[in-house]
Amino acid sequence: MLANPTASKITIQNGSIYAFWNGIAVNPNTSTQSTIYVANVHIQNINFNYNRFVNVAFNQTNNSSLADCVFLGGTLTGIQDAYSQTGNHFSNISFNIGQNTAIQIIANGSVGGRFKTSQWGSN
């Protein structure tokens, strides 16, 4: 089942997310895998600062992207991509200061997707 059955594009862009538990959680079904998938979510040009657990979580999210974003400080996980069916695209991402894990991929079955990064750091 697709939670966005019309496959319309959902865009979140241009801003900052500061000091939340999770910055952006797409399809946050955390208890178990379900049959509901989300698609076509696009996050662009967001600064994620000092969010506690995860900055961006794509859970059972397909054909989505994260581009031109900066991750700063104090977060357990920068990007979490869990149980995608068709893969997601991450590009021009900068990680600086304090992430325990920059990218976490959790797979069940086939894994697809692309990741292109411009900067890794711990300044």
C-alpha atoms as a PDB file:
ATOM      1  CA  MET A   1       0.000   0.000   0.000  1.00  0.00           C
ATOM      2  CA  LEU A   2       1.305   3.443  -0.883  1.00  0.00           C
ATOM      3  CA  ALA A   3       0.442   6.237   1.560  1.00  0.00           C
ATOM      4  CA  ASN A   4       0.732   8.804  -1.236  1.00  0.00           C
ATOM      5  CA  PRO A   5      -1.367   6.999  -3.880  1.00  0.00           C
ATOM      6  CA  THR A   6      -1.417   9.881  -6.367  1.00  0.00           C
ATOM      7  CA  ALA A   7       2.397  10.030  -6.221  1.00  0.00           C
ATOM      8  CA  SER A   8       2.221  13.790  -5.868  1.00  0.00           C
ATOM      9  CA  LYS A   9       5.489  15.487  -4.959  1.00  0.00           C
ATOM     10  CA  ILE A  10       5.936  16.618  -1.359  1.00  0.00           C
ATOM     11  CA  THR A  11       8.714  19.220  -0.959  1.00  0.00           C
ATOM     12  CA  ILE A  12      10.247  20.620   2.215  1.00  0.00           C
ATOM     13  CA  GLN A  13      12.812  23.326   1.476  1.00  0.00           C
ATOM     14  CA  ASN A  14      14.797  26.372   2.611  1.00  0.00           C
ATOM     15  CA  GLY A  15      15.110  26.616   6.355  1.00  0.00           C
ATOM     16  CA  SER A  16      16.547  25.356   9.626  1.00  0.00           C
ATOM     17  CA  ILE A  17      15.382  22.732  12.089  1.00  0.00           C
ATOM     18  CA  TYR A  18      16.922  23.225  15.522  1.00  0.00           C
ATOM     19  CA  ALA A  19      16.819  21.156  18.748  1.00  0.00           C
ATOM     20  CA  PHE A  20      13.983  18.704  18.097  1.00  0.00           C
ATOM     21  CA  TRP A  21      14.006  15.018  19.012  1.00  0.00           C
ATOM     22  CA  ASN A  22      13.754  14.153  15.287  1.00  0.00           C
ATOM     23  CA  GLY A  23      14.268  16.738  12.558  1.00  0.00           C
ATOM     24  CA  ILE A  24      12.054  15.206   9.840  1.00  0.00           C
ATOM     25  CA  ALA A  25      10.495  11.742  10.164  1.00  0.00           C
ATOM     26  CA  VAL A  26       8.781  10.457   7.044  1.00  0.00           C
ATOM     27  CA  ASN A  27       6.371   7.560   7.689  1.00  0.00           C
ATOM     28  CA  PRO A  28       7.455   7.161  11.326  1.00  0.00           C
ATOM     29  CA  ASN A  29       6.048   3.668  11.909  1.00  0.00           C
ATOM     30  CA  THR A  30       8.646   2.659  14.473  1.00  0.00           C
ATOM     31  CA  SER A  31       7.120  -0.429  16.055  1.00  0.00           C
ATOM     32  CA  THR A  32       7.206  -2.862  13.114  1.00  0.00           C
ATOM     33  CA  GLN A  33       7.424  -2.935   9.356  1.00  0.00           C
ATOM     34  CA  SER A  34       4.045  -2.371   7.791  1.00  0.00           C
ATOM     35  CA  THR A  35       2.638  -2.519   4.290  1.00  0.00           C
ATOM     36  CA  ILE A  36       2.388   1.284   4.027  1.00  0.00           C
ATOM     37  CA  TYR A  37       5.035   3.069   1.964  1.00  0.00           C
ATOM     38  CA  VAL A  38       5.467   6.773   1.216  1.00  0.00           C
ATOM     39  CA  ALA A  39       6.951   8.081  -2.044  1.00  0.00           C
ATOM     40  CA  ASN A  40       8.139  11.308  -3.678  1.00  0.00           C
ATOM     41  CA  VAL A  41       9.251  13.281  -0.617  1.00  0.00           C
ATOM     42  CA  HIS A  42      11.970  15.812  -1.434  1.00  0.00           C
ATOM     43  CA  ILE A  43      13.935  17.730   1.207  1.00  0.00           C
ATOM     44  CA  GLN A  44      16.154  20.566  -0.040  1.00  0.00           C
ATOM     45  CA  ASN A  45      18.391  23.222   1.477  1.00  0.00           C
ATOM     46  CA  ILE A  46      17.700  22.594   5.167  1.00  0.00           C
ATOM     47  CA  ASN A  47      20.175  23.134   8.010  1.00  0.00           C
ATOM     48  CA  PHE A  48      19.703  20.545  10.750  1.00  0.00           C
ATOM     49  CA  ASN A  49      21.194  21.736  14.055  1.00  0.00           C
ATOM     50  CA  TYR A  50      21.418  19.811  17.330  1.00  0.00           C
ATOM     51  CA  ASN A  51      18.423  17.528  16.864  1.00  0.00           C
ATOM     52  CA  ARG A  52      18.697  14.696  19.395  1.00  0.00           C
ATOM     53  CA  PHE A  53      17.983  11.338  17.755  1.00  0.00           C
ATOM     54  CA  VAL A  54      17.893  11.539  13.950  1.00  0.00           C
ATOM     55  CA  ASN A  55      17.941  14.498  11.577  1.00  0.00           C
ATOM     56  CA  VAL A  56      16.145  12.823   8.646  1.00  0.00           C
ATOM     57  CA  ALA A  57      14.398   9.447   8.864  1.00  0.00           C
ATOM     58  CA  PHE A  58      12.993   7.839   5.726  1.00  0.00           C
ATOM     59  CA  ASN A  59      11.076   4.790   6.973  1.00  0.00           C
ATOM     60  CA  GLN A  60       9.549   2.688   4.183  1.00  0.00           C
ATOM     61  CA  THR A  61       9.996   5.674   1.881  1.00  0.00           C
ATOM     62  CA  ASN A  62      10.619   5.248  -1.861  1.00  0.00           C
ATOM     63  CA  ASN A  63      11.757   7.487  -4.731  1.00  0.00           C
ATOM     64  CA  SER A  64      12.599  10.370  -2.426  1.00  0.00           C
ATOM     65  CA  SER A  65      15.557  12.732  -2.094  1.00  0.00           C
ATOM     66  CA  LEU A  66      17.605  14.841   0.261  1.00  0.00           C
ATOM     67  CA  ALA A  67      19.773  17.564  -1.312  1.00  0.00           C
ATOM     68  CA  ASP A  68      21.897  20.559  -0.328  1.00  0.00           C
ATOM     69  CA  CYS A  69      21.527  20.019   3.424  1.00  0.00           C
ATOM     70  CA  VAL A  70      23.899  20.601   6.350  1.00  0.00           C
ATOM     71  CA  PHE A  71      23.954  18.498   9.540  1.00  0.00           C
ATOM     72  CA  LEU A  72      25.535  20.068  12.628  1.00  0.00           C
ATOM     73  CA  GLY A  73      26.114  18.768  16.113  1.00  0.00           C
ATOM     74  CA  GLY A  74      24.852  16.459  18.770  1.00  0.00           C
ATOM     75  CA  THR A  75      22.716  13.983  16.815  1.00  0.00           C
ATOM     76  CA  LEU A  76      22.870  10.198  17.059  1.00  0.00           C
ATOM     77  CA  THR A  77      22.145   9.687  13.331  1.00  0.00           C
ATOM     78  CA  GLY A  78      22.306  12.159  10.464  1.00  0.00           C
ATOM     79  CA  ILE A  79      20.270  10.211   7.874  1.00  0.00           C
ATOM     80  CA  GLN A  80      18.354   6.986   8.484  1.00  0.00           C
ATOM     81  CA  ASP A  81      16.912   5.148   5.472  1.00  0.00           C
ATOM     82  CA  ALA A  82      14.963   2.090   6.611  1.00  0.00           C
ATOM     83  CA  TYR A  83      13.286  -0.552   4.440  1.00  0.00           C
ATOM     84  CA  SER A  84      13.159   1.345   1.138  1.00  0.00           C
ATOM     85  CA  GLN A  85      11.915  -0.703  -1.788  1.00  0.00           C
ATOM     86  CA  THR A  86      13.136   1.379  -4.724  1.00  0.00           C
ATOM     87  CA  GLY A  87      15.863   3.539  -3.241  1.00  0.00           C
ATOM     88  CA  ASN A  88      16.360   7.187  -2.450  1.00  0.00           C
ATOM     89  CA  HIS A  89      18.821   9.823  -3.624  1.00  0.00           C
ATOM     90  CA  PHE A  90      21.033  11.857  -1.280  1.00  0.00           C
ATOM     91  CA  SER A  91      23.267  14.579  -2.786  1.00  0.00           C
ATOM     92  CA  ASN A  92      25.441  17.494  -1.714  1.00  0.00           C
ATOM     93  CA  ILE A  93      25.211  16.730   2.008  1.00  0.00           C
ATOM     94  CA  SER A  94      27.612  18.105   4.661  1.00  0.00           C
ATOM     95  CA  PHE A  95      28.109  16.432   8.054  1.00  0.00           C
ATOM     96  CA  ASN A  96      30.016  18.366  10.731  1.00  0.00           C
ATOM     97  CA  ILE A  97      30.576  17.993  14.463  1.00  0.00           C
ATOM     98  CA  GLY A  98      28.948  15.375  16.587  1.00  0.00           C
ATOM     99  CA  GLN A  99      26.956  12.768  14.668  1.00  0.00           C
ATOM    100  CA  ASN A 100      27.525   9.271  16.026  1.00  0.00           C
ATOM    101  CA  THR A 101      26.462   7.840  12.642  1.00  0.00           C
ATOM    102  CA  ALA A 102      26.333   9.920   9.469  1.00  0.00           C
ATOM    103  CA  ILE A 103      24.183   7.518   7.415  1.00  0.00           C
ATOM    104  CA  GLN A 104      22.327   4.410   8.558  1.00  0.00           C
ATOM    105  CA  ILE A 105      20.781   2.071   5.983  1.00  0.00           C
ATOM    106  CA  ILE A 106      18.473  -0.656   7.302  1.00  0.00           C
ATOM    107  CA  ALA A 107      17.606  -3.193   4.617  1.00  0.00           C
ATOM    108  CA  ASN A 108      15.076  -5.934   4.250  1.00  0.00           C
ATOM    109  CA  GLY A 109      15.324  -7.524   0.838  1.00  0.00           C
ATOM    110  CA  SER A 110      16.736  -5.505  -2.062  1.00  0.00           C
ATOM    111  CA  VAL A 111      18.430  -2.168  -1.502  1.00  0.00           C
ATOM    112  CA  GLY A 112      18.682   0.566  -4.089  1.00  0.00           C
ATOM    113  CA  GLY A 113      19.578   4.200  -4.143  1.00  0.00           C
ATOM    114  CA  ARG A 114      22.361   6.676  -4.677  1.00  0.00           C
ATOM    115  CA  PHE A 115      24.442   8.757  -2.326  1.00  0.00           C
ATOM    116  CA  LYS A 116      26.721  11.558  -3.438  1.00  0.00           C
ATOM    117  CA  THR A 117      28.287  13.758  -0.789  1.00  0.00           C
ATOM    118  CA  SER A 118      30.369  16.862  -0.925  1.00  0.00           C
ATOM    119  CA  GLN A 119      31.793  17.128   2.566  1.00  0.00           C
ATOM    120  CA  TRP A 120      32.526  15.009   5.614  1.00  0.00           C
ATOM    121  CA  GLY A 121      34.049  16.591   8.674  1.00  0.00           C
ATOM    122  CA  SER A 122      34.483  16.654  12.396  1.00  0.00           C
ATOM    123  CA  ASN A 123      35.721  20.196  12.931  1.00  0.00           C
END
